[in-house]
C-alpha atoms as a PDB file:
ATOM      1  CA  UNK A   1      11.058 106.300  15.191  1.00  0.00           C
ATOM      2  CA  UNK A   2       7.533 105.974  13.782  1.00  0.00           C
ATOM      3  CA  UNK A   3       6.558 103.504  16.501  1.00  0.00           C
ATOM      4  CA  UNK A   4       7.822 106.024  19.079  1.00  0.00           C
ATOM      5  CA  UNK A   5       5.493 108.669  17.625  1.00  0.00           C
ATOM      6  CA  UNK A   6       2.586 106.215  17.706  1.00  0.00           C
ATOM      7  CA  UNK A   7       3.376 105.268  21.310  1.00  0.00           C
ATOM      8  CA  UNK A   8       3.387 108.961  22.267  1.00  0.00           C
ATOM      9  CA  UNK A   9      -0.027 109.400  20.627  1.00  0.00           C
ATOM     10  CA  UNK A  10      -1.322 106.447  22.666  1.00  0.00           C
ATOM     11  CA  UNK A  11      -0.778 108.548  25.819  1.00  0.00           C
ATOM     12  CA  UNK A  12      -3.712 110.738  24.718  1.00  0.00           C
ATOM     13  CA  UNK A  13      -6.244 107.920  25.169  1.00  0.00           C
ATOM     14  CA  UNK A  14      -9.015 108.381  27.695  1.00  0.00           C
ATOM     15  CA  UNK A  15     -12.602 107.127  27.958  1.00  0.00           C
ATOM     16  CA  UNK A  16     -14.280 110.266  26.565  1.00  0.00           C
ATOM     17  CA  UNK A  17     -11.781 110.887  23.760  1.00  0.00           C
ATOM     18  CA  UNK A  18     -11.881 107.205  22.798  1.00  0.00           C
ATOM     19  CA  UNK A  19     -15.686 107.355  22.496  1.00  0.00           C
ATOM     20  CA  UNK A  20     -15.550 110.516  20.367  1.00  0.00           C
ATOM     21  CA  UNK A  21     -12.793 109.160  18.124  1.00  0.00           C
ATOM     22  CA  UNK A  22     -14.648 105.881  17.574  1.00  0.00           C
ATOM     23  CA  UNK A  23     -17.999 107.597  16.957  1.00  0.00           C
ATOM     24  CA  UNK A  24     -16.651 110.173  14.503  1.00  0.00           C
ATOM     25  CA  UNK A  25     -13.652 108.605  12.806  1.00  0.00           C
ATOM     26  CA  UNK A  26     -14.588 104.932  12.840  1.00  0.00           C
ATOM     27  CA  UNK A  27     -18.394 104.808  12.788  1.00  0.00           C
ATOM     28  CA  UNK A  28     -19.285 108.050  10.944  1.00  0.00           C
ATOM     29  CA  UNK A  29     -16.466 107.964   8.381  1.00  0.00           C
ATOM     30  CA  UNK A  30     -17.080 104.252   7.828  1.00  0.00           C
ATOM     31  CA  UNK A  31     -14.829 101.284   7.243  1.00  0.00           C
ATOM     32  CA  UNK A  32     -14.582 102.112   3.535  1.00  0.00           C
ATOM     33  CA  UNK A  33     -14.932 105.881   3.872  1.00  0.00           C
ATOM     34  CA  UNK A  34     -18.662 105.755   3.139  1.00  0.00           C
ATOM     35  CA  UNK A  35     -19.008 109.292   4.473  1.00  0.00           C
ATOM     36  CA  UNK A  36     -17.319 110.574   1.313  1.00  0.00           C
ATOM     37  CA  UNK A  37     -19.748 108.699  -0.929  1.00  0.00           C
ATOM     38  CA  UNK A  38     -22.639 110.326   0.949  1.00  0.00           C
ATOM     39  CA  UNK A  39     -21.019 113.774   0.696  1.00  0.00           C
ATOM     40  CA  UNK A  40     -20.422 113.275  -3.026  1.00  0.00           C
ATOM     41  CA  UNK A  41     -24.012 112.167  -3.623  1.00  0.00           C
ATOM     42  CA  UNK A  42     -25.443 115.105  -1.688  1.00  0.00           C
ATOM     43  CA  UNK A  43     -23.284 117.536  -3.663  1.00  0.00           C
ATOM     44  CA  UNK A  44     -24.222 115.781  -6.908  1.00  0.00           C
ATOM     45  CA  UNK A  45     -27.977 116.299  -6.471  1.00  0.00           C
ATOM     46  CA  UNK A  46     -27.668 120.034  -5.794  1.00  0.00           C
ATOM     47  CA  UNK A  47     -27.404 121.809  -9.175  1.00  0.00           C
ATOM     48  CA  UNK A  48     -25.001 124.454  -7.833  1.00  0.00           C
ATOM     49  CA  UNK A  49     -22.556 121.811  -6.534  1.00  0.00           C
ATOM     50  CA  UNK A  50     -23.098 119.069  -9.121  1.00  0.00           C
ATOM     51  CA  UNK A  51     -19.606 119.261 -10.638  1.00  0.00           C
ATOM     52  CA  UNK A  52     -18.064 119.217  -7.159  1.00  0.00           C
ATOM     53  CA  UNK A  53     -20.106 116.126  -6.254  1.00  0.00           C
ATOM     54  CA  UNK A  54     -18.965 114.406  -9.446  1.00  0.00           C
ATOM     55  CA  UNK A  55     -15.356 115.279  -8.577  1.00  0.00           C
ATOM     56  CA  UNK A  56     -15.712 113.885  -5.043  1.00  0.00           C
ATOM     57  CA  UNK A  57     -17.218 110.626  -6.331  1.00  0.00           C
ATOM     58  CA  UNK A  58     -14.713 110.188  -9.156  1.00  0.00           C
ATOM     59  CA  UNK A  59     -11.835 110.982  -6.797  1.00  0.00           C
ATOM     60  CA  UNK A  60     -13.243 108.467  -4.305  1.00  0.00           C
ATOM     61  CA  UNK A  61     -13.365 105.716  -6.925  1.00  0.00           C
ATOM     62  CA  UNK A  62      -9.837 106.400  -8.172  1.00  0.00           C
ATOM     63  CA  UNK A  63      -8.430 106.776  -4.663  1.00  0.00           C
ATOM     64  CA  UNK A  64     -10.031 103.560  -3.469  1.00  0.00           C
ATOM     65  CA  UNK A  65      -8.818 101.590  -6.480  1.00  0.00           C
ATOM     66  CA  UNK A  66      -5.283 103.011  -6.439  1.00  0.00           C
ATOM     67  CA  UNK A  67      -4.854 102.859  -2.662  1.00  0.00           C
ATOM     68  CA  UNK A  68      -6.779  99.803  -1.584  1.00  0.00           C
ATOM     69  CA  UNK A  69      -6.664  97.561  -4.626  1.00  0.00           C
ATOM     70  CA  UNK A  70      -3.190  98.329  -5.918  1.00  0.00           C
ATOM     71  CA  UNK A  71      -0.738 100.126  -3.606  1.00  0.00           C
ATOM     72  CA  UNK A  72      -1.489  98.297  -0.352  1.00  0.00           C
ATOM     73  CA  UNK A  73      -0.580  94.917  -1.841  1.00  0.00           C
ATOM     74  CA  UNK A  74       2.304  96.343  -3.856  1.00  0.00           C
ATOM     75  CA  UNK A  75       3.920  98.015  -0.821  1.00  0.00           C
ATOM     76  CA  UNK A  76       2.824  95.243   1.594  1.00  0.00           C
ATOM     77  CA  UNK A  77       3.818  97.090   4.762  1.00  0.00           C
ATOM     78  CA  UNK A  78       2.613  95.410   7.962  1.00  0.00           C
ATOM     79  CA  UNK A  79       0.442  97.554  10.200  1.00  0.00           C
ATOM     80  CA  UNK A  80       1.868  98.859  13.477  1.00  0.00           C
ATOM     81  CA  UNK A  81      -0.683  96.763  15.388  1.00  0.00           C
ATOM     82  CA  UNK A  82       0.753  93.659  13.649  1.00  0.00           C
ATOM     83  CA  UNK A  83       4.322  94.661  14.507  1.00  0.00           C
ATOM     84  CA  UNK A  84       3.601  95.652  18.122  1.00  0.00           C
ATOM     85  CA  UNK A  85       0.718  93.725  19.648  1.00  0.00           C
ATOM     86  CA  UNK A  86       1.194  95.238  23.115  1.00  0.00           C
ATOM     87  CA  UNK A  87      -1.084  98.183  22.326  1.00  0.00           C
ATOM     88  CA  UNK A  88      -4.755  97.538  23.056  1.00  0.00           C
ATOM     89  CA  UNK A  89      -6.806  98.420  19.966  1.00  0.00           C
ATOM     90  CA  UNK A  90     -10.109 100.243  20.415  1.00  0.00           C
ATOM     91  CA  UNK A  91     -11.210  99.431  16.848  1.00  0.00           C
ATOM     92  CA  UNK A  92     -11.320  96.180  14.930  1.00  0.00           C
ATOM     93  CA  UNK A  93      -7.877  95.117  13.708  1.00  0.00           C
ATOM     94  CA  UNK A  94      -7.765  95.623   9.918  1.00  0.00           C
ATOM     95  CA  UNK A  95      -6.802  92.646   7.802  1.00  0.00           C
ATOM     96  CA  UNK A  96      -5.112  94.560   4.993  1.00  0.00           C
ATOM     97  CA  UNK A  97      -1.656  96.095   4.761  1.00  0.00           C
ATOM     98  CA  UNK A  98      -0.814  99.512   6.153  1.00  0.00           C
ATOM     99  CA  UNK A  99       0.513 101.766   3.387  1.00  0.00           C
ATOM    100  CA  UNK A 100      -1.041 104.008   2.256  1.00  0.00           C
ATOM    101  CA  UNK A 101      -3.735 104.953   4.726  1.00  0.00           C
ATOM    102  CA  UNK A 102      -6.774 104.695   2.461  1.00  0.00           C
ATOM    103  CA  UNK A 103      -9.009 106.468   5.003  1.00  0.00           C
ATOM    104  CA  UNK A 104      -6.619 109.422   4.801  1.00  0.00           C
ATOM    105  CA  UNK A 105      -6.329 109.067   1.020  1.00  0.00           C
ATOM    106  CA  UNK A 106     -10.127 109.218   0.618  1.00  0.00           C
ATOM    107  CA  UNK A 107     -10.491 112.112   3.068  1.00  0.00           C
ATOM    108  CA  UNK A 108      -7.832 114.234   1.376  1.00  0.00           C
ATOM    109  CA  UNK A 109      -9.039 113.455  -2.132  1.00  0.00           C
ATOM    110  CA  UNK A 110     -12.543 114.534  -1.096  1.00  0.00           C
ATOM    111  CA  UNK A 111     -11.192 117.640   0.638  1.00  0.00           C
ATOM    112  CA  UNK A 112      -9.172 118.619  -2.427  1.00  0.00           C
ATOM    113  CA  UNK A 113     -12.138 118.061  -4.759  1.00  0.00           C
ATOM    114  CA  UNK A 114     -14.338 120.251  -2.562  1.00  0.00           C
ATOM    115  CA  UNK A 115     -11.601 122.870  -2.162  1.00  0.00           C
ATOM    116  CA  UNK A 116     -11.142 123.013  -5.945  1.00  0.00           C
ATOM    117  CA  UNK A 117     -14.722 124.228  -6.374  1.00  0.00           C
ATOM    118  CA  UNK A 118     -15.547 125.789  -2.976  1.00  0.00           C
ATOM    119  CA  UNK A 119     -12.462 127.198  -1.241  1.00  0.00           C
ATOM    120  CA  UNK A 120     -13.965 128.124   2.154  1.00  0.00           C
ATOM    121  CA  UNK A 121     -15.799 124.839   2.587  1.00  0.00           C
ATOM    122  CA  UNK A 122     -12.747 122.969   1.341  1.00  0.00           C
ATOM    123  CA  UNK A 123     -10.563 124.440   4.094  1.00  0.00           C
ATOM    124  CA  UNK A 124     -12.927 123.018   6.718  1.00  0.00           C
ATOM    125  CA  UNK A 125     -12.962 119.648   4.991  1.00  0.00           C
ATOM    126  CA  UNK A 126      -9.141 119.682   4.872  1.00  0.00           C
ATOM    127  CA  UNK A 127      -9.108 120.188   8.654  1.00  0.00           C
ATOM    128  CA  UNK A 128     -11.486 117.250   9.061  1.00  0.00           C
ATOM    129  CA  UNK A 129      -9.297 115.188   6.699  1.00  0.00           C
ATOM    130  CA  UNK A 130      -6.269 115.951   8.874  1.00  0.00           C
ATOM    131  CA  UNK A 131      -8.197 114.647  11.884  1.00  0.00           C
ATOM    132  CA  UNK A 132      -9.078 111.502   9.923  1.00  0.00           C
ATOM    133  CA  UNK A 133      -5.353 111.005   9.327  1.00  0.00           C
ATOM    134  CA  UNK A 134      -4.589 111.587  12.993  1.00  0.00           C
ATOM    135  CA  UNK A 135      -7.288 109.087  13.981  1.00  0.00           C
ATOM    136  CA  UNK A 136      -5.541 106.345  12.001  1.00  0.00           C
ATOM    137  CA  UNK A 137      -2.466 106.824  14.202  1.00  0.00           C
ATOM    138  CA  UNK A 138      -4.564 107.214  17.358  1.00  0.00           C
ATOM    139  CA  UNK A 139      -6.186 103.858  16.557  1.00  0.00           C
ATOM    140  CA  UNK A 140      -2.665 102.393  16.099  1.00  0.00           C
ATOM    141  CA  UNK A 141      -3.503 101.039  12.639  1.00  0.00           C
ATOM    142  CA  UNK A 142      -1.203 103.285  10.529  1.00  0.00           C
ATOM    143  CA  UNK A 143       2.268 104.756  10.712  1.00  0.00           C
ATOM    144  CA  UNK A 144       2.743 108.515  10.262  1.00  0.00           C
ATOM    145  CA  UNK A 145       4.278 107.965   6.815  1.00  0.00           C
ATOM    146  CA  UNK A 146       1.226 105.899   5.756  1.00  0.00           C
ATOM    147  CA  UNK A 147      -0.939 108.890   6.665  1.00  0.00           C
ATOM    148  CA  UNK A 148       1.362 111.396   4.961  1.00  0.00           C
ATOM    149  CA  UNK A 149       1.503 109.266   1.802  1.00  0.00           C
ATOM    150  CA  UNK A 150      -2.303 108.934   1.822  1.00  0.00           C
ATOM    151  CA  UNK A 151      -2.718 112.717   2.161  1.00  0.00           C
ATOM    152  CA  UNK A 152      -0.303 113.484  -0.678  1.00  0.00           C
ATOM    153  CA  UNK A 153      -1.878 110.870  -2.942  1.00  0.00           C
ATOM    154  CA  UNK A 154      -5.367 112.144  -2.133  1.00  0.00           C
ATOM    155  CA  UNK A 155      -4.508 115.725  -3.029  1.00  0.00           C
ATOM    156  CA  UNK A 156      -2.768 114.653  -6.243  1.00  0.00           C
ATOM    157  CA  UNK A 157      -5.559 112.290  -7.307  1.00  0.00           C
ATOM    158  CA  UNK A 158      -8.264 114.896  -6.766  1.00  0.00           C
ATOM    159  CA  UNK A 159      -6.232 117.602  -8.478  1.00  0.00           C
ATOM    160  CA  UNK A 160      -5.890 115.466 -11.611  1.00  0.00           C
ATOM    161  CA  UNK A 161      -9.548 114.406 -11.400  1.00  0.00           C
ATOM    162  CA  UNK A 162     -10.788 118.005 -11.082  1.00  0.00           C
ATOM    163  CA  UNK A 163      -8.537 119.203 -13.903  1.00  0.00           C
ATOM    164  CA  UNK A 164      -9.815 116.471 -16.241  1.00  0.00           C
ATOM    165  CA  UNK A 165     -13.413 117.000 -15.136  1.00  0.00           C
ATOM    166  CA  UNK A 166     -13.155 120.742 -15.821  1.00  0.00           C
ATOM    167  CA  UNK A 167     -11.821 119.990 -19.305  1.00  0.00           C
ATOM    168  CA  UNK A 168     -14.603 117.453 -19.925  1.00  0.00           C
ATOM    169  CA  UNK A 169     -17.254 119.953 -18.793  1.00  0.00           C
ATOM    170  CA  UNK A 170     -15.738 122.679 -20.986  1.00  0.00           C
ATOM    171  CA  UNK A 171     -15.652 120.336 -23.959  1.00  0.00           C
ATOM    172  CA  UNK A 172     -19.223 119.140 -23.354  1.00  0.00           C
ATOM    173  CA  UNK A 173     -20.595 122.662 -22.970  1.00  0.00           C
ATOM    174  CA  UNK A 174     -18.876 123.713 -26.222  1.00  0.00           C
ATOM    175  CA  UNK A 175     -20.126 120.568 -27.946  1.00  0.00           C
ATOM    176  CA  UNK A 176     -23.743 121.218 -27.001  1.00  0.00           C
ATOM    177  CA  UNK A 177     -23.612 124.891 -28.081  1.00  0.00           C
ATOM    178  CA  UNK A 178     -22.931 123.834 -31.684  1.00  0.00           C
END
């Protein structure tokens, strides 16, 4: 069933859309989601968004470690491009396992961290995160459930990170008032 969905998505390919998808979701986002590190650093240096930047960066670190360094090898699900090699890839074939989609995990954890502190901006970032997830299926490197699992994990990881960060900030501000 999931391969059928991926094959249907492959019908959307065309020269212009392929170029846009590669430029935005492969090159801009980066092979390790470097876009989110840059976003976190930018938010971190602006006093008004410093806590949000810290949340994005902490969520990134946790998401990367949980998703890429632990879950991928634990689940060990082959990628769709390894199962069905008849689809021509427009991006480099990844060497790691498929589940969860760490690109999606990082995008949704960043979106949730931003949403936690800045609702309107966060909604836009959530929409971009959804497109990141879609791109992983468009590129034929993840199954829909890999993307869904990455999105759920990203939201949960950032929620916990933001909750703990808020408590740490509250504790620190009370500590320094004494």
